[in-house]
């Protein structure tokens, strides 16, 4: 589901200020929900491919695109969990601005 600007503002307002709570918030609100949504889209695309979505307006090929998207998202999440989140919890916060920009 795509969100509008108001949803993004609400999400920012909901975000906690404590670093460890913010990390949990990001993991639950974004990482977990995006992966779950992507898995559901993948399941639906597989059904379309399986049941003959071969018309001119079909979504044939969506499975491959979604698999690549899942791989990219998973890699980004692993990077966040391996580098960004530990850095957020450490005393090396000045280096973070270089990573974020």
N, C-alpha and C. Protein backbone atom coordinates (compact mmCIF):
# COMPACT_ATOMS: atom_id res chain seq x y z
N UNK A 1 0.83 -1.17 0.00
CA UNK A 1 0.00 0.00 0.00
C UNK A 1 0.88 1.24 0.00
N UNK A 2 0.66 2.11 -0.92
CA UNK A 2 1.41 3.35 -0.98
C UNK A 2 0.86 4.32 0.05
N UNK A 3 1.74 5.14 0.58
CA UNK A 3 1.27 6.10 1.58
C UNK A 3 1.44 7.52 1.04
N UNK A 4 0.65 8.39 1.60
CA UNK A 4 0.72 9.79 1.20
C UNK A 4 1.58 10.57 2.19
N UNK A 5 1.75 11.84 1.94
CA UNK A 5 2.57 12.67 2.81
C UNK A 5 2.07 12.73 4.23
N UNK A 6 0.75 12.73 4.41
CA UNK A 6 0.17 12.78 5.76
C UNK A 6 0.54 11.54 6.55
N UNK A 7 0.59 10.39 5.89
CA UNK A 7 0.97 9.15 6.56
C UNK A 7 2.42 9.22 7.00
N UNK A 8 3.28 9.77 6.16
CA UNK A 8 4.69 9.90 6.52
C UNK A 8 4.86 10.83 7.72
N UNK A 9 4.13 11.91 7.75
CA UNK A 9 4.20 12.83 8.89
C UNK A 9 3.73 12.11 10.15
N UNK A 10 2.64 11.37 10.06
CA UNK A 10 2.13 10.63 11.21
C UNK A 10 3.16 9.62 11.69
N UNK A 11 3.83 8.93 10.77
CA UNK A 11 4.86 7.97 11.14
C UNK A 11 6.00 8.65 11.88
N UNK A 12 6.41 9.82 11.40
CA UNK A 12 7.47 10.56 12.06
C UNK A 12 7.05 10.99 13.45
N UNK A 13 5.79 11.37 13.61
CA UNK A 13 5.29 11.77 14.92
C UNK A 13 5.21 10.58 15.87
N UNK A 14 4.96 9.39 15.34
CA UNK A 14 4.86 8.18 16.16
C UNK A 14 6.22 7.65 16.59
N UNK A 15 7.28 8.03 15.89
CA UNK A 15 8.61 7.48 16.15
C UNK A 15 9.12 7.91 17.52
N UNK A 16 9.62 6.96 18.29
CA UNK A 16 10.18 7.29 19.60
C UNK A 16 11.51 8.01 19.46
N UNK A 17 11.91 8.71 20.52
CA UNK A 17 13.16 9.45 20.49
C UNK A 17 14.34 8.64 20.98
N UNK A 18 14.11 7.70 21.89
CA UNK A 18 15.21 6.87 22.40
C UNK A 18 15.72 5.97 21.27
N UNK A 19 17.04 5.87 21.15
CA UNK A 19 17.64 5.16 20.02
C UNK A 19 17.22 3.70 19.95
N UNK A 20 17.29 2.98 21.05
CA UNK A 20 16.92 1.56 20.99
C UNK A 20 15.44 1.38 20.66
N UNK A 21 14.60 2.25 21.16
CA UNK A 21 13.17 2.19 20.83
C UNK A 21 12.94 2.57 19.37
N UNK A 22 13.73 3.52 18.86
CA UNK A 22 13.61 3.92 17.45
C UNK A 22 14.00 2.76 16.53
N UNK A 23 15.04 2.05 16.88
CA UNK A 23 15.46 0.88 16.09
C UNK A 23 14.35 -0.16 16.07
N UNK A 24 13.76 -0.45 17.22
CA UNK A 24 12.64 -1.40 17.27
C UNK A 24 11.48 -0.92 16.42
N UNK A 25 11.19 0.37 16.48
CA UNK A 25 10.11 0.98 15.71
C UNK A 25 10.36 0.79 14.20
N UNK A 26 11.58 1.07 13.76
CA UNK A 26 11.94 0.93 12.35
C UNK A 26 11.80 -0.52 11.91
N UNK A 27 12.28 -1.43 12.75
CA UNK A 27 12.21 -2.84 12.39
C UNK A 27 10.77 -3.31 12.27
N UNK A 28 9.93 -2.92 13.20
CA UNK A 28 8.53 -3.37 13.17
C UNK A 28 7.72 -2.63 12.11
N UNK A 29 7.81 -1.31 12.10
CA UNK A 29 6.96 -0.50 11.22
C UNK A 29 7.35 -0.63 9.76
N UNK A 30 8.64 -0.74 9.51
CA UNK A 30 9.10 -0.73 8.12
C UNK A 30 9.66 -2.07 7.66
N UNK A 31 10.69 -2.58 8.31
CA UNK A 31 11.31 -3.81 7.85
C UNK A 31 10.31 -4.97 7.83
N UNK A 32 9.72 -5.26 8.96
CA UNK A 32 8.81 -6.41 9.06
C UNK A 32 7.59 -6.24 8.17
N UNK A 33 6.99 -5.06 8.20
CA UNK A 33 5.77 -4.87 7.41
C UNK A 33 6.07 -4.89 5.91
N UNK A 34 7.20 -4.32 5.49
CA UNK A 34 7.53 -4.34 4.07
C UNK A 34 7.80 -5.76 3.58
N UNK A 35 8.51 -6.54 4.38
CA UNK A 35 8.76 -7.93 3.99
C UNK A 35 7.47 -8.73 3.94
N UNK A 36 6.60 -8.53 4.92
CA UNK A 36 5.31 -9.24 4.93
C UNK A 36 4.47 -8.84 3.72
N UNK A 37 4.40 -7.55 3.42
CA UNK A 37 3.63 -7.08 2.26
C UNK A 37 4.21 -7.66 0.96
N UNK A 38 5.53 -7.68 0.87
CA UNK A 38 6.18 -8.20 -0.33
C UNK A 38 5.90 -9.70 -0.50
N UNK A 39 5.91 -10.44 0.60
CA UNK A 39 5.60 -11.88 0.52
C UNK A 39 4.17 -12.10 0.04
N UNK A 40 3.24 -11.26 0.48
CA UNK A 40 1.85 -11.38 0.04
C UNK A 40 1.74 -11.04 -1.45
N UNK A 41 2.42 -10.00 -1.89
CA UNK A 41 2.43 -9.65 -3.32
C UNK A 41 3.03 -10.78 -4.15
N UNK A 42 4.08 -11.38 -3.64
CA UNK A 42 4.72 -12.49 -4.34
C UNK A 42 3.77 -13.68 -4.46
N UNK A 43 3.06 -13.98 -3.40
CA UNK A 43 2.09 -15.08 -3.42
C UNK A 43 1.00 -14.80 -4.46
N UNK A 44 0.48 -13.58 -4.48
CA UNK A 44 -0.55 -13.23 -5.44
C UNK A 44 -0.03 -13.28 -6.88
N UNK A 45 1.18 -12.80 -7.10
CA UNK A 45 1.76 -12.82 -8.44
C UNK A 45 1.98 -14.26 -8.92
N UNK A 46 2.37 -15.14 -7.99
CA UNK A 46 2.55 -16.54 -8.36
C UNK A 46 1.22 -17.17 -8.75
N UNK A 47 0.16 -16.80 -8.06
CA UNK A 47 -1.17 -17.30 -8.43
C UNK A 47 -1.57 -16.82 -9.82
N UNK A 48 -1.31 -15.55 -10.12
CA UNK A 48 -1.64 -15.02 -11.43
C UNK A 48 -0.87 -15.77 -12.51
N UNK A 49 0.43 -15.98 -12.29
CA UNK A 49 1.24 -16.71 -13.27
C UNK A 49 0.75 -18.15 -13.42
N UNK A 50 0.39 -18.78 -12.31
CA UNK A 50 -0.05 -20.18 -12.31
C UNK A 50 -1.38 -20.36 -13.03
N UNK A 51 -2.29 -19.42 -12.87
CA UNK A 51 -3.64 -19.56 -13.40
C UNK A 51 -3.84 -18.86 -14.74
N UNK A 52 -2.77 -18.71 -15.46
CA UNK A 52 -2.90 -18.27 -16.84
C UNK A 52 -3.08 -16.80 -17.06
N UNK A 53 -2.37 -15.98 -16.34
CA UNK A 53 -2.44 -14.55 -16.60
C UNK A 53 -1.61 -14.22 -17.82
N UNK A 54 -2.01 -14.73 -18.98
CA UNK A 54 -1.19 -14.54 -20.18
C UNK A 54 -1.77 -13.51 -21.14
N UNK A 55 -2.81 -12.81 -20.75
CA UNK A 55 -3.39 -11.80 -21.63
C UNK A 55 -2.47 -10.60 -21.76
N UNK A 56 -2.80 -9.74 -22.68
CA UNK A 56 -1.97 -8.56 -22.94
C UNK A 56 -1.82 -7.67 -21.70
N UNK A 57 -2.81 -7.70 -20.83
CA UNK A 57 -2.76 -6.84 -19.64
C UNK A 57 -2.38 -7.64 -18.39
N UNK A 58 -1.80 -8.80 -18.55
CA UNK A 58 -1.48 -9.63 -17.39
C UNK A 58 -0.24 -9.12 -16.67
N UNK A 59 0.00 -9.72 -15.54
CA UNK A 59 1.16 -9.36 -14.73
C UNK A 59 2.25 -10.41 -14.87
N UNK A 60 2.25 -11.11 -15.99
CA UNK A 60 3.27 -12.14 -16.21
C UNK A 60 4.65 -11.51 -16.07
N UNK A 61 5.49 -12.14 -15.33
CA UNK A 61 6.83 -11.61 -15.09
C UNK A 61 6.94 -10.85 -13.78
N UNK A 62 5.82 -10.62 -13.12
CA UNK A 62 5.85 -9.88 -11.84
C UNK A 62 6.60 -10.68 -10.78
N UNK A 63 6.52 -12.00 -10.84
CA UNK A 63 7.20 -12.82 -9.84
C UNK A 63 8.70 -12.53 -9.85
N UNK A 64 9.29 -12.50 -11.03
CA UNK A 64 10.72 -12.22 -11.13
C UNK A 64 11.08 -10.85 -10.58
N UNK A 65 10.27 -9.86 -10.91
CA UNK A 65 10.51 -8.51 -10.40
C UNK A 65 10.39 -8.46 -8.88
N UNK A 66 9.39 -9.14 -8.35
CA UNK A 66 9.19 -9.15 -6.90
C UNK A 66 10.31 -9.92 -6.19
N UNK A 67 10.80 -10.98 -6.80
CA UNK A 67 11.92 -11.72 -6.21
C UNK A 67 13.17 -10.85 -6.15
N UNK A 68 13.42 -10.08 -7.21
CA UNK A 68 14.57 -9.16 -7.20
C UNK A 68 14.37 -8.05 -6.17
N UNK A 69 13.14 -7.56 -6.08
CA UNK A 69 12.84 -6.52 -5.08
C UNK A 69 13.05 -7.06 -3.67
N UNK A 70 12.61 -8.30 -3.43
CA UNK A 70 12.80 -8.91 -2.11
C UNK A 70 14.29 -9.05 -1.79
N UNK A 71 15.08 -9.44 -2.78
CA UNK A 71 16.52 -9.58 -2.55
C UNK A 71 17.16 -8.24 -2.20
N UNK A 72 16.76 -7.18 -2.92
CA UNK A 72 17.30 -5.84 -2.62
C UNK A 72 16.85 -5.35 -1.25
N UNK A 73 15.58 -5.56 -0.93
CA UNK A 73 15.08 -5.13 0.37
C UNK A 73 15.76 -5.89 1.50
N UNK A 74 15.91 -7.19 1.33
CA UNK A 74 16.57 -8.01 2.34
C UNK A 74 18.02 -7.56 2.55
N UNK A 75 18.70 -7.25 1.46
CA UNK A 75 20.09 -6.77 1.57
C UNK A 75 20.14 -5.44 2.32
N UNK A 76 19.19 -4.53 2.04
CA UNK A 76 19.16 -3.25 2.74
C UNK A 76 18.88 -3.44 4.23
N UNK A 77 17.95 -4.31 4.54
CA UNK A 77 17.63 -4.58 5.94
C UNK A 77 18.84 -5.17 6.66
N UNK A 78 19.53 -6.10 6.02
CA UNK A 78 20.73 -6.69 6.62
C UNK A 78 21.81 -5.63 6.85
N UNK A 79 21.93 -4.71 5.90
CA UNK A 79 22.90 -3.62 6.06
C UNK A 79 22.53 -2.72 7.24
N UNK A 80 21.25 -2.40 7.35
CA UNK A 80 20.79 -1.60 8.49
C UNK A 80 21.10 -2.30 9.81
N UNK A 81 20.79 -3.59 9.85
CA UNK A 81 20.96 -4.34 11.10
C UNK A 81 22.42 -4.62 11.42
N UNK A 82 23.26 -4.71 10.39
CA UNK A 82 24.68 -5.01 10.61
C UNK A 82 25.52 -3.77 10.86
N UNK A 83 25.15 -2.65 10.25
CA UNK A 83 26.00 -1.46 10.33
C UNK A 83 25.30 -0.24 10.95
N UNK A 84 24.17 0.14 10.38
CA UNK A 84 23.52 1.37 10.81
C UNK A 84 23.04 1.30 12.25
N UNK A 85 22.28 0.26 12.58
CA UNK A 85 21.73 0.19 13.94
C UNK A 85 22.82 0.08 15.00
N UNK A 86 23.85 -0.77 14.82
CA UNK A 86 24.93 -0.77 15.82
C UNK A 86 25.63 0.58 15.94
N UNK A 87 25.78 1.27 14.81
CA UNK A 87 26.42 2.59 14.86
C UNK A 87 25.54 3.58 15.60
N UNK A 88 24.23 3.47 15.42
CA UNK A 88 23.30 4.35 16.14
C UNK A 88 23.43 4.16 17.65
N UNK A 89 23.71 2.94 18.05
CA UNK A 89 23.82 2.63 19.48
C UNK A 89 25.21 2.93 20.04
N UNK A 90 26.18 3.16 19.16
CA UNK A 90 27.54 3.41 19.62
C UNK A 90 27.78 4.90 19.79
N UNK A 91 28.99 5.23 20.14
CA UNK A 91 29.36 6.64 20.31
C UNK A 91 29.86 7.26 19.01
N UNK A 92 29.81 6.55 17.90
CA UNK A 92 30.33 7.03 16.62
C UNK A 92 29.27 7.73 15.78
N UNK A 93 28.37 8.42 16.40
CA UNK A 93 27.28 9.06 15.66
C UNK A 93 27.74 10.09 14.62
N UNK A 94 28.81 10.83 14.82
CA UNK A 94 29.21 11.78 13.77
C UNK A 94 29.48 11.10 12.43
N UNK A 95 29.98 9.88 12.43
CA UNK A 95 30.22 9.15 11.18
C UNK A 95 28.91 8.79 10.49
N UNK A 96 27.83 8.68 11.24
CA UNK A 96 26.55 8.30 10.66
C UNK A 96 26.06 9.28 9.62
N UNK A 97 26.30 10.55 9.80
CA UNK A 97 25.79 11.53 8.85
C UNK A 97 26.37 11.27 7.47
N UNK A 98 27.60 10.78 7.40
CA UNK A 98 28.19 10.43 6.12
C UNK A 98 27.45 9.26 5.48
N UNK A 99 27.06 8.28 6.28
CA UNK A 99 26.34 7.11 5.76
C UNK A 99 24.93 7.46 5.31
N UNK A 100 24.27 8.36 6.00
CA UNK A 100 22.88 8.67 5.73
C UNK A 100 22.74 9.55 4.51
N UNK A 101 23.62 10.49 4.31
CA UNK A 101 23.53 11.41 3.17
C UNK A 101 23.88 10.68 1.95
